[in-house]
Amino acid sequence: MRYALLEQQRDMLLLAARILMMALFVIFGWEKLTAFDGTVDYMTSVGAPAPGVAAVVAIVMEFFVAIALIAGLYTRPLAVLLALYTIATAFIGHHYWTLAGQARMENMINFYKNVSIAGGLLLLAASGPGRYSVDKR
């Protein structure tokens, strides 16, 4: 009874959560897509294996998978896949334990931001997309 209002708004809250969580991925995925050479250079600088392939994977995951999740398309499997990708990028791109000073703190924040986002994605995988989604149509 205490949470009746939240339960009534569950589907709208799930839609809002999908949009808000994916905004970060869409913005940075679009940047990677429109500046592909810079993306490859970045992948090289962080030591990503096969930087060209890593750039394509990053674009697919961050832009196209994020758009699919906003739409609520294949929500559960894509949310798990994006969670795994987000954890992997935390280890590849934000290895704060090898750094010192301000760079260590900045990368630690980004590492744990990725971990937190992965938690939200796993929650989305468990809860499903809600009524306002392609999956429910």
C-alpha atoms as a PDB file:
ATOM      1  CA  MET A   1       0.000   0.000   0.000  1.00  0.00           C
ATOM      2  CA  ARG A   2       2.831   2.419   0.824  1.00  0.00           C
ATOM      3  CA  TYR A   3       4.277   2.015  -2.633  1.00  0.00           C
ATOM      4  CA  ALA A   4       1.021   1.994  -4.586  1.00  0.00           C
ATOM      5  CA  LEU A   5       1.848   5.267  -6.357  1.00  0.00           C
ATOM      6  CA  LEU A   6       5.225   3.908  -7.488  1.00  0.00           C
ATOM      7  CA  GLU A   7       3.627   0.651  -8.613  1.00  0.00           C
ATOM      8  CA  GLN A   8       1.051   2.590 -10.646  1.00  0.00           C
ATOM      9  CA  GLN A   9       3.874   4.507 -12.328  1.00  0.00           C
ATOM     10  CA  ARG A  10       6.149   1.469 -12.756  1.00  0.00           C
ATOM     11  CA  ASP A  11       6.053   1.419 -16.559  1.00  0.00           C
ATOM     12  CA  MET A  12       6.648   5.165 -16.835  1.00  0.00           C
ATOM     13  CA  LEU A  13       9.527   4.933 -14.345  1.00  0.00           C
ATOM     14  CA  LEU A  14      11.109   2.084 -16.328  1.00  0.00           C
ATOM     15  CA  LEU A  15      10.865   4.152 -19.516  1.00  0.00           C
ATOM     16  CA  ALA A  16      12.417   7.168 -17.766  1.00  0.00           C
ATOM     17  CA  ALA A  17      15.170   4.964 -16.321  1.00  0.00           C
ATOM     18  CA  ARG A  18      15.982   3.517 -19.751  1.00  0.00           C
ATOM     19  CA  ILE A  19      16.186   6.979 -21.303  1.00  0.00           C
ATOM     20  CA  LEU A  20      18.243   8.487 -18.480  1.00  0.00           C
ATOM     21  CA  MET A  21      20.654   5.570 -18.223  1.00  0.00           C
ATOM     22  CA  MET A  22      21.206   5.399 -21.979  1.00  0.00           C
ATOM     23  CA  ALA A  23      21.705   9.154 -22.495  1.00  0.00           C
ATOM     24  CA  LEU A  24      25.379   8.827 -21.561  1.00  0.00           C
ATOM     25  CA  PHE A  25      25.923   5.959 -23.997  1.00  0.00           C
ATOM     26  CA  VAL A  26      24.099   7.634 -26.894  1.00  0.00           C
ATOM     27  CA  ILE A  27      26.006  10.916 -26.479  1.00  0.00           C
ATOM     28  CA  PHE A  28      29.443   9.320 -26.288  1.00  0.00           C
ATOM     29  CA  GLY A  29      28.613   6.619 -28.830  1.00  0.00           C
ATOM     30  CA  TRP A  30      27.610   9.332 -31.304  1.00  0.00           C
ATOM     31  CA  GLU A  31      30.881  11.162 -30.646  1.00  0.00           C
ATOM     32  CA  LYS A  32      32.798   7.956 -31.306  1.00  0.00           C
ATOM     33  CA  LEU A  33      30.817   7.321 -34.496  1.00  0.00           C
ATOM     34  CA  THR A  34      31.300  10.812 -35.916  1.00  0.00           C
ATOM     35  CA  ALA A  35      34.997  10.972 -34.994  1.00  0.00           C
ATOM     36  CA  PHE A  36      36.028   7.430 -35.813  1.00  0.00           C
ATOM     37  CA  ASP A  37      39.744   8.161 -36.331  1.00  0.00           C
ATOM     38  CA  GLY A  38      39.911   9.875 -32.946  1.00  0.00           C
ATOM     39  CA  THR A  39      38.144   6.912 -31.407  1.00  0.00           C
ATOM     40  CA  VAL A  40      40.748   4.531 -32.829  1.00  0.00           C
ATOM     41  CA  ASP A  41      43.502   6.811 -31.523  1.00  0.00           C
ATOM     42  CA  TYR A  42      41.899   6.782 -28.066  1.00  0.00           C
ATOM     43  CA  MET A  43      41.590   2.987 -28.115  1.00  0.00           C
ATOM     44  CA  THR A  44      45.278   2.813 -28.985  1.00  0.00           C
ATOM     45  CA  SER A  45      46.201   5.201 -26.156  1.00  0.00           C
ATOM     46  CA  VAL A  46      44.429   3.121 -23.505  1.00  0.00           C
ATOM     47  CA  GLY A  47      45.956  -0.106 -24.783  1.00  0.00           C
ATOM     48  CA  ALA A  48      42.763  -1.644 -26.105  1.00  0.00           C
ATOM     49  CA  PRO A  49      43.407  -4.808 -28.098  1.00  0.00           C
ATOM     50  CA  ALA A  50      42.854  -4.345 -31.873  1.00  0.00           C
ATOM     51  CA  PRO A  51      42.018  -0.624 -31.619  1.00  0.00           C
ATOM     52  CA  GLY A  52      40.066  -0.501 -34.908  1.00  0.00           C
ATOM     53  CA  VAL A  53      37.878  -3.426 -33.907  1.00  0.00           C
ATOM     54  CA  ALA A  54      37.556  -2.045 -30.379  1.00  0.00           C
ATOM     55  CA  ALA A  55      36.327   1.268 -31.830  1.00  0.00           C
ATOM     56  CA  VAL A  56      33.644  -0.502 -33.874  1.00  0.00           C
ATOM     57  CA  VAL A  57      32.567  -2.546 -30.835  1.00  0.00           C
ATOM     58  CA  ALA A  58      32.398   0.638 -28.739  1.00  0.00           C
ATOM     59  CA  ILE A  59      30.225   2.375 -31.331  1.00  0.00           C
ATOM     60  CA  VAL A  60      27.862  -0.580 -31.693  1.00  0.00           C
ATOM     61  CA  MET A  61      27.521  -0.992 -27.933  1.00  0.00           C
ATOM     62  CA  GLU A  62      27.374   2.649 -26.929  1.00  0.00           C
ATOM     63  CA  PHE A  63      25.215   3.979 -29.729  1.00  0.00           C
ATOM     64  CA  PHE A  64      23.190   1.226 -31.372  1.00  0.00           C
ATOM     65  CA  VAL A  65      22.621  -0.999 -28.336  1.00  0.00           C
ATOM     66  CA  ALA A  66      21.740   2.082 -26.271  1.00  0.00           C
ATOM     67  CA  ILE A  67      19.145   3.148 -28.878  1.00  0.00           C
ATOM     68  CA  ALA A  68      17.685  -0.371 -28.798  1.00  0.00           C
ATOM     69  CA  LEU A  69      17.463  -0.228 -24.990  1.00  0.00           C
ATOM     70  CA  ILE A  70      15.721   3.146 -25.088  1.00  0.00           C
ATOM     71  CA  ALA A  71      13.186   1.611 -27.464  1.00  0.00           C
ATOM     72  CA  GLY A  72      12.908  -1.440 -25.228  1.00  0.00           C
ATOM     73  CA  LEU A  73      14.041  -3.842 -27.945  1.00  0.00           C
ATOM     74  CA  TYR A  74      15.597  -7.121 -26.715  1.00  0.00           C
ATOM     75  CA  THR A  75      15.916  -5.339 -23.387  1.00  0.00           C
ATOM     76  CA  ARG A  76      16.938  -8.175 -21.102  1.00  0.00           C
ATOM     77  CA  PRO A  77      19.750  -9.716 -23.181  1.00  0.00           C
ATOM     78  CA  LEU A  78      21.062  -6.353 -24.392  1.00  0.00           C
ATOM     79  CA  ALA A  79      21.075  -4.950 -20.851  1.00  0.00           C
ATOM     80  CA  VAL A  80      23.217  -7.903 -19.709  1.00  0.00           C
ATOM     81  CA  LEU A  81      25.498  -7.507 -22.729  1.00  0.00           C
ATOM     82  CA  LEU A  82      25.910  -3.760 -22.118  1.00  0.00           C
ATOM     83  CA  ALA A  83      26.575  -4.415 -18.413  1.00  0.00           C
ATOM     84  CA  LEU A  84      29.407  -6.801 -19.336  1.00  0.00           C
ATOM     85  CA  TYR A  85      30.763  -4.276 -21.844  1.00  0.00           C
ATOM     86  CA  THR A  86      30.613  -1.510 -19.227  1.00  0.00           C
ATOM     87  CA  ILE A  87      32.562  -3.596 -16.702  1.00  0.00           C
ATOM     88  CA  ALA A  88      35.131  -4.515 -19.368  1.00  0.00           C
ATOM     89  CA  THR A  89      35.612  -0.872 -20.336  1.00  0.00           C
ATOM     90  CA  ALA A  90      36.093   0.006 -16.674  1.00  0.00           C
ATOM     91  CA  PHE A  91      39.062  -2.367 -16.514  1.00  0.00           C
ATOM     92  CA  ILE A  92      40.460  -1.428 -19.933  1.00  0.00           C
ATOM     93  CA  GLY A  93      39.960   2.329 -19.857  1.00  0.00           C
ATOM     94  CA  HIS A  94      39.969   3.338 -16.193  1.00  0.00           C
ATOM     95  CA  HIS A  95      42.769   1.342 -14.528  1.00  0.00           C
ATOM     96  CA  TYR A  96      43.152   3.813 -11.666  1.00  0.00           C
ATOM     97  CA  TRP A  97      45.314   1.386  -9.670  1.00  0.00           C
ATOM     98  CA  THR A  98      48.204   2.055 -12.079  1.00  0.00           C
ATOM     99  CA  LEU A  99      47.983   5.844 -11.800  1.00  0.00           C
ATOM    100  CA  ALA A 100      48.839   8.522  -9.249  1.00  0.00           C
ATOM    101  CA  GLY A 101      47.561  11.931  -8.191  1.00  0.00           C
ATOM    102  CA  GLN A 102      44.620  13.581  -9.936  1.00  0.00           C
ATOM    103  CA  ALA A 103      44.595  11.035 -12.783  1.00  0.00           C
ATOM    104  CA  ARG A 104      44.129   8.258 -10.222  1.00  0.00           C
ATOM    105  CA  MET A 105      41.130   9.992  -8.658  1.00  0.00           C
ATOM    106  CA  GLU A 106      39.515  10.820 -12.022  1.00  0.00           C
ATOM    107  CA  ASN A 107      39.903   7.256 -13.249  1.00  0.00           C
ATOM    108  CA  MET A 108      38.691   5.819  -9.953  1.00  0.00           C
ATOM    109  CA  ILE A 109      35.509   7.900 -10.257  1.00  0.00           C
ATOM    110  CA  ASN A 110      34.983   6.716 -13.837  1.00  0.00           C
ATOM    111  CA  PHE A 111      35.748   3.105 -12.930  1.00  0.00           C
ATOM    112  CA  TYR A 112      33.116   3.053 -10.190  1.00  0.00           C
ATOM    113  CA  LYS A 113      30.688   5.033 -12.376  1.00  0.00           C
ATOM    114  CA  ASN A 114      30.933   2.164 -14.851  1.00  0.00           C
ATOM    115  CA  VAL A 115      30.400  -0.378 -12.072  1.00  0.00           C
ATOM    116  CA  SER A 116      27.308   1.523 -10.895  1.00  0.00           C
ATOM    117  CA  ILE A 117      25.884   1.772 -14.410  1.00  0.00           C
ATOM    118  CA  ALA A 118      26.421  -1.981 -14.840  1.00  0.00           C
ATOM    119  CA  GLY A 119      24.393  -2.498 -11.668  1.00  0.00           C
ATOM    120  CA  GLY A 120      21.560  -0.429 -13.122  1.00  0.00           C
ATOM    121  CA  LEU A 121      21.730  -2.420 -16.347  1.00  0.00           C
ATOM    122  CA  LEU A 122      21.503  -5.705 -14.439  1.00  0.00           C
ATOM    123  CA  LEU A 123      18.488  -4.313 -12.590  1.00  0.00           C
ATOM    124  CA  LEU A 124      16.931  -3.450 -15.966  1.00  0.00           C
ATOM    125  CA  ALA A 125      17.628  -6.996 -17.155  1.00  0.00           C
ATOM    126  CA  ALA A 126      15.895  -8.379 -14.063  1.00  0.00           C
ATOM    127  CA  SER A 127      12.900  -6.036 -14.171  1.00  0.00           C
ATOM    128  CA  GLY A 128      12.354  -5.920 -17.918  1.00  0.00           C
ATOM    129  CA  PRO A 129      11.498  -2.876 -20.002  1.00  0.00           C
ATOM    130  CA  GLY A 130       7.940  -2.251 -18.880  1.00  0.00           C
ATOM    131  CA  ARG A 131       4.840  -1.642 -20.968  1.00  0.00           C
ATOM    132  CA  TYR A 132       6.273   1.265 -22.994  1.00  0.00           C
ATOM    133  CA  SER A 133       8.648  -0.807 -25.091  1.00  0.00           C
ATOM    134  CA  VAL A 134       8.957  -2.712 -28.328  1.00  0.00           C
ATOM    135  CA  ASP A 135       9.374  -5.904 -26.292  1.00  0.00           C
ATOM    136  CA  LYS A 136       5.842  -5.531 -24.873  1.00  0.00           C
ATOM    137  CA  ARG A 137       4.207  -4.929 -28.273  1.00  0.00           C
END
